[in-house]
Amino acid sequence: MPNELNHELIDNTAQKRFEIHVDGYLAFEDYEFFTTSQGEKSIAYLHTEVAKELSGRGIAGYLVKSILDEAAAKHLRVKPICPYVRAYIDKHPQYQDNSVFHNAAP
């Protein structure tokens, strides 16, 4: 499987989701902002969805990596409510210190 993934991550604030458009199809992650008990601005990732036409192409992983990198760049703690995002963080320890379900304070 070639890894030429380099898609634009779009923050659709009206629908509270990050989107990637590929070949006329949509992959997205629903989110909401919150504040941790430590007063840190944070983002909860609620649901990952990828059009079935895009399955098997690494789009979901690319999307999740992109949103986790975006959160880190904006100094946002993450709450991976979505099972896919949580499993991704489980497998990629570099994101665990920023997750309130892993190493970060809730």
N, C-alpha and C. Protein backbone atom coordinates (compact mmCIF):
# COMPACT_ATOMS: atom_id res chain seq x y z
N MET A 1 0.85 -1.19 0.00
CA MET A 1 0.00 0.00 0.00
C MET A 1 0.89 1.25 0.00
N PRO A 2 0.83 2.04 -1.06
CA PRO A 2 1.64 3.26 -1.09
C PRO A 2 1.15 4.25 -0.04
N ASN A 3 2.07 5.01 0.50
CA ASN A 3 1.71 5.97 1.54
C ASN A 3 1.95 7.38 1.02
N GLU A 4 1.07 7.82 0.13
CA GLU A 4 1.18 9.17 -0.42
C GLU A 4 0.17 10.10 0.23
N LEU A 5 -0.26 9.76 1.44
CA LEU A 5 -1.29 10.56 2.11
C LEU A 5 -0.75 11.94 2.48
N ASN A 6 -1.41 12.93 1.98
CA ASN A 6 -1.10 14.32 2.32
C ASN A 6 -2.35 15.13 2.01
N HIS A 7 -3.36 14.95 2.84
CA HIS A 7 -4.65 15.59 2.61
C HIS A 7 -4.81 16.79 3.53
N GLU A 8 -5.57 17.76 3.08
CA GLU A 8 -5.83 18.96 3.87
C GLU A 8 -6.82 18.64 4.99
N LEU A 9 -6.46 19.01 6.21
CA LEU A 9 -7.34 18.87 7.36
C LEU A 9 -8.15 20.15 7.48
N ILE A 10 -9.46 20.02 7.41
CA ILE A 10 -10.37 21.17 7.46
C ILE A 10 -11.09 21.17 8.80
N ASP A 11 -11.06 22.30 9.50
CA ASP A 11 -11.79 22.44 10.75
C ASP A 11 -13.15 23.05 10.42
N ASN A 12 -14.16 22.21 10.35
CA ASN A 12 -15.52 22.66 10.06
C ASN A 12 -16.15 23.05 11.40
N THR A 13 -15.95 24.29 11.81
CA THR A 13 -16.40 24.73 13.13
C THR A 13 -17.92 24.74 13.23
N ALA A 14 -18.62 24.97 12.14
CA ALA A 14 -20.09 24.99 12.16
C ALA A 14 -20.65 23.64 12.56
N GLN A 15 -20.01 22.56 12.11
CA GLN A 15 -20.48 21.21 12.45
C GLN A 15 -19.63 20.55 13.53
N LYS A 16 -18.67 21.29 14.07
CA LYS A 16 -17.76 20.78 15.11
C LYS A 16 -17.13 19.46 14.71
N ARG A 17 -16.45 19.49 13.56
CA ARG A 17 -15.75 18.30 13.12
C ARG A 17 -14.57 18.67 12.22
N PHE A 18 -13.54 17.83 12.31
CA PHE A 18 -12.42 17.94 11.39
C PHE A 18 -12.73 17.04 10.20
N GLU A 19 -12.43 17.54 9.01
CA GLU A 19 -12.76 16.80 7.79
C GLU A 19 -11.54 16.65 6.89
N ILE A 20 -11.55 15.54 6.16
CA ILE A 20 -10.62 15.33 5.06
C ILE A 20 -11.48 14.87 3.89
N HIS A 21 -11.33 15.53 2.75
CA HIS A 21 -12.06 15.16 1.55
C HIS A 21 -11.11 14.45 0.60
N VAL A 22 -11.50 13.25 0.16
CA VAL A 22 -10.65 12.44 -0.72
C VAL A 22 -11.52 11.89 -1.85
N ASP A 23 -11.15 12.20 -3.07
CA ASP A 23 -11.85 11.64 -4.24
C ASP A 23 -13.36 11.82 -4.17
N GLY A 24 -13.81 12.95 -3.63
CA GLY A 24 -15.24 13.22 -3.55
C GLY A 24 -15.93 12.59 -2.35
N TYR A 25 -15.15 11.93 -1.47
CA TYR A 25 -15.71 11.29 -0.28
C TYR A 25 -15.19 11.99 0.97
N LEU A 26 -15.85 11.73 2.08
CA LEU A 26 -15.56 12.44 3.32
C LEU A 26 -15.12 11.49 4.44
N ALA A 27 -14.11 11.93 5.17
CA ALA A 27 -13.72 11.32 6.44
C ALA A 27 -13.77 12.45 7.47
N PHE A 28 -14.30 12.16 8.66
CA PHE A 28 -14.38 13.23 9.65
C PHE A 28 -14.28 12.71 11.07
N GLU A 29 -13.97 13.65 11.96
CA GLU A 29 -13.90 13.40 13.41
C GLU A 29 -14.72 14.48 14.10
N ASP A 30 -15.80 14.08 14.80
CA ASP A 30 -16.58 15.02 15.60
C ASP A 30 -15.81 15.38 16.86
N TYR A 31 -15.94 16.63 17.29
CA TYR A 31 -15.23 17.07 18.50
C TYR A 31 -16.06 18.06 19.29
N GLU A 32 -15.62 18.29 20.53
CA GLU A 32 -16.14 19.38 21.35
C GLU A 32 -15.03 19.83 22.29
N PHE A 33 -15.05 21.10 22.62
CA PHE A 33 -14.05 21.65 23.53
C PHE A 33 -14.55 21.54 24.97
N PHE A 34 -13.62 21.44 25.90
CA PHE A 34 -13.95 21.43 27.33
C PHE A 34 -12.72 21.93 28.08
N THR A 35 -12.86 22.07 29.40
CA THR A 35 -11.75 22.49 30.26
C THR A 35 -11.50 21.39 31.27
N THR A 36 -10.23 21.00 31.44
CA THR A 36 -9.90 19.94 32.40
C THR A 36 -10.07 20.46 33.83
N SER A 37 -10.01 19.54 34.78
CA SER A 37 -10.10 19.93 36.19
C SER A 37 -8.91 20.80 36.61
N GLN A 38 -7.83 20.75 35.80
CA GLN A 38 -6.66 21.59 36.06
C GLN A 38 -6.77 22.94 35.36
N GLY A 39 -7.92 23.19 34.68
CA GLY A 39 -8.14 24.46 34.00
C GLY A 39 -7.52 24.55 32.62
N GLU A 40 -7.12 23.42 32.05
CA GLU A 40 -6.50 23.43 30.73
C GLU A 40 -7.56 23.32 29.63
N LYS A 41 -7.40 24.12 28.59
CA LYS A 41 -8.29 24.02 27.45
C LYS A 41 -8.04 22.69 26.76
N SER A 42 -9.12 22.00 26.41
CA SER A 42 -8.99 20.65 25.91
C SER A 42 -10.01 20.37 24.81
N ILE A 43 -9.79 19.26 24.11
CA ILE A 43 -10.69 18.86 23.03
C ILE A 43 -11.02 17.38 23.20
N ALA A 44 -12.30 17.07 23.08
CA ALA A 44 -12.76 15.68 23.14
C ALA A 44 -13.05 15.22 21.72
N TYR A 45 -12.50 14.06 21.36
CA TYR A 45 -12.78 13.47 20.05
C TYR A 45 -13.87 12.43 20.25
N LEU A 46 -15.00 12.64 19.57
CA LEU A 46 -16.22 11.90 19.87
C LEU A 46 -16.49 10.73 18.92
N HIS A 47 -16.23 10.91 17.63
CA HIS A 47 -16.65 9.90 16.66
C HIS A 47 -15.84 10.07 15.37
N THR A 48 -15.26 8.96 14.91
CA THR A 48 -14.53 8.95 13.65
C THR A 48 -15.41 8.25 12.61
N GLU A 49 -15.51 8.87 11.44
CA GLU A 49 -16.27 8.23 10.36
C GLU A 49 -15.53 8.42 9.05
N VAL A 50 -15.41 7.33 8.30
CA VAL A 50 -14.75 7.36 7.00
C VAL A 50 -15.70 6.70 6.00
N ALA A 51 -15.93 7.37 4.87
CA ALA A 51 -16.79 6.79 3.84
C ALA A 51 -16.27 5.40 3.45
N LYS A 52 -17.20 4.46 3.28
CA LYS A 52 -16.80 3.08 2.98
C LYS A 52 -15.96 3.00 1.71
N GLU A 53 -16.14 3.94 0.81
CA GLU A 53 -15.36 3.97 -0.43
C GLU A 53 -13.88 4.25 -0.18
N LEU A 54 -13.56 4.78 1.01
CA LEU A 54 -12.18 5.11 1.35
C LEU A 54 -11.53 4.06 2.25
N SER A 55 -12.27 3.05 2.64
CA SER A 55 -11.73 2.08 3.58
C SER A 55 -10.52 1.35 3.01
N GLY A 56 -9.61 1.01 3.91
CA GLY A 56 -8.40 0.28 3.53
C GLY A 56 -7.30 1.14 2.95
N ARG A 57 -7.46 2.44 2.99
CA ARG A 57 -6.47 3.35 2.40
C ARG A 57 -5.68 4.13 3.45
N GLY A 58 -5.89 3.84 4.73
CA GLY A 58 -5.16 4.53 5.79
C GLY A 58 -5.69 5.92 6.11
N ILE A 59 -6.88 6.23 5.62
CA ILE A 59 -7.44 7.57 5.81
C ILE A 59 -7.77 7.82 7.29
N ALA A 60 -8.37 6.86 7.97
CA ALA A 60 -8.73 7.07 9.38
C ALA A 60 -7.49 7.32 10.22
N GLY A 61 -6.45 6.53 10.02
CA GLY A 61 -5.21 6.73 10.76
C GLY A 61 -4.59 8.08 10.47
N TYR A 62 -4.61 8.47 9.20
CA TYR A 62 -4.07 9.78 8.81
C TYR A 62 -4.87 10.90 9.48
N LEU A 63 -6.20 10.77 9.48
CA LEU A 63 -7.06 11.76 10.11
C LEU A 63 -6.75 11.89 11.59
N VAL A 64 -6.67 10.77 12.29
CA VAL A 64 -6.44 10.79 13.73
C VAL A 64 -5.05 11.35 14.05
N LYS A 65 -4.03 10.93 13.32
CA LYS A 65 -2.69 11.49 13.53
C LYS A 65 -2.72 13.00 13.34
N SER A 66 -3.42 13.46 12.29
CA SER A 66 -3.50 14.89 12.00
C SER A 66 -4.17 15.66 13.13
N ILE A 67 -5.28 15.14 13.66
CA ILE A 67 -5.98 15.89 14.72
C ILE A 67 -5.21 15.86 16.03
N LEU A 68 -4.49 14.77 16.29
CA LEU A 68 -3.67 14.72 17.50
C LEU A 68 -2.49 15.67 17.41
N ASP A 69 -1.88 15.75 16.24
CA ASP A 69 -0.78 16.71 16.02
C ASP A 69 -1.29 18.14 16.14
N GLU A 70 -2.48 18.40 15.60
CA GLU A 70 -3.10 19.72 15.66
C GLU A 70 -3.37 20.12 17.12
N ALA A 71 -3.90 19.19 17.90
CA ALA A 71 -4.17 19.46 19.32
C ALA A 71 -2.88 19.79 20.06
N ALA A 72 -1.83 19.02 19.81
CA ALA A 72 -0.55 19.27 20.47
C ALA A 72 0.01 20.63 20.08
N ALA A 73 -0.10 20.98 18.81
CA ALA A 73 0.41 22.27 18.33
C ALA A 73 -0.34 23.43 18.98
N LYS A 74 -1.62 23.22 19.31
CA LYS A 74 -2.44 24.27 19.94
C LYS A 74 -2.46 24.15 21.46
N HIS A 75 -1.63 23.25 22.01
CA HIS A 75 -1.53 23.03 23.45
C HIS A 75 -2.88 22.65 24.07
N LEU A 76 -3.62 21.79 23.37
CA LEU A 76 -4.90 21.29 23.86
C LEU A 76 -4.72 19.86 24.38
N ARG A 77 -5.19 19.59 25.58
CA ARG A 77 -5.26 18.21 26.06
C ARG A 77 -6.35 17.51 25.25
N VAL A 78 -6.23 16.20 25.09
CA VAL A 78 -7.24 15.47 24.33
C VAL A 78 -7.95 14.44 25.21
N LYS A 79 -9.23 14.27 24.94
CA LYS A 79 -10.03 13.23 25.58
C LYS A 79 -10.56 12.34 24.46
N PRO A 80 -9.96 11.16 24.28
CA PRO A 80 -10.36 10.27 23.19
C PRO A 80 -11.58 9.43 23.54
N ILE A 81 -12.76 10.03 23.47
CA ILE A 81 -14.00 9.30 23.72
C ILE A 81 -14.24 8.27 22.61
N CYS A 82 -13.92 8.64 21.40
CA CYS A 82 -14.05 7.74 20.25
C CYS A 82 -13.12 6.53 20.43
N PRO A 83 -13.64 5.32 20.34
CA PRO A 83 -12.80 4.12 20.51
C PRO A 83 -11.64 4.05 19.50
N TYR A 84 -11.85 4.53 18.29
CA TYR A 84 -10.78 4.48 17.29
C TYR A 84 -9.63 5.39 17.70
N VAL A 85 -9.95 6.60 18.15
CA VAL A 85 -8.91 7.54 18.58
C VAL A 85 -8.18 6.99 19.81
N ARG A 86 -8.93 6.43 20.73
CA ARG A 86 -8.31 5.87 21.94
C ARG A 86 -7.36 4.72 21.58
N ALA A 87 -7.79 3.85 20.67
CA ALA A 87 -6.94 2.73 20.24
C ALA A 87 -5.70 3.24 19.52
N TYR A 88 -5.84 4.31 18.74
CA TYR A 88 -4.70 4.89 18.05
C TYR A 88 -3.67 5.38 19.06
N ILE A 89 -4.14 6.08 20.09
CA ILE A 89 -3.24 6.58 21.14
C ILE A 89 -2.60 5.42 21.89
N ASP A 90 -3.37 4.36 22.14
CA ASP A 90 -2.81 3.16 22.80
C ASP A 90 -1.61 2.63 22.03
N LYS A 91 -1.69 2.68 20.70
CA LYS A 91 -0.64 2.11 19.83
C LYS A 91 0.49 3.09 19.53
N HIS A 92 0.30 4.36 19.85
CA HIS A 92 1.30 5.40 19.54
C HIS A 92 1.62 6.17 20.82
N PRO A 93 2.59 5.68 21.59
CA PRO A 93 2.90 6.26 22.91
C PRO A 93 3.24 7.75 22.88
N GLN A 94 3.70 8.26 21.75
CA GLN A 94 4.06 9.68 21.69
C GLN A 94 2.86 10.60 21.94
N TYR A 95 1.63 10.07 21.85
CA TYR A 95 0.44 10.89 22.09
C TYR A 95 -0.15 10.68 23.48
N GLN A 96 0.39 9.74 24.25
CA GLN A 96 -0.22 9.39 25.53
C GLN A 96 -0.08 10.45 26.60
N ASP A 97 0.99 11.22 26.58
CA ASP A 97 1.16 12.27 27.60
C ASP A 97 0.15 13.40 27.44
N ASN A 98 -0.50 13.49 26.29
CA ASN A 98 -1.46 14.56 26.04
C ASN A 98 -2.90 14.08 26.16
N SER A 99 -3.09 12.81 26.50
CA SER A 99 -4.44 12.23 26.58
C SER A 99 -4.88 12.11 28.03
N VAL A 100 -6.07 12.63 28.35
CA VAL A 100 -6.56 12.54 29.72
C VAL A 100 -6.97 11.12 30.07
N PHE A 101 -7.09 10.22 29.11
CA PHE A 101 -7.37 8.81 29.39
C PHE A 101 -6.09 8.00 29.50
N HIS A 102 -4.96 8.63 29.29
CA HIS A 102 -3.69 7.94 29.37
C HIS A 102 -2.84 8.56 30.49
N ASN A 103 -1.95 9.47 30.14
CA ASN A 103 -1.02 10.01 31.15
C ASN A 103 -1.33 11.42 31.63
N ALA A 104 -2.13 12.18 30.88
CA ALA A 104 -2.40 13.57 31.26
C ALA A 104 -3.43 13.63 32.40
N ALA A 105 -3.35 14.66 33.20
CA ALA A 105 -4.32 14.86 34.28
C ALA A 105 -5.69 15.16 33.68
N PRO A 106 -6.75 14.53 34.20
CA PRO A 106 -8.11 14.78 33.68
C PRO A 106 -8.64 16.15 34.03
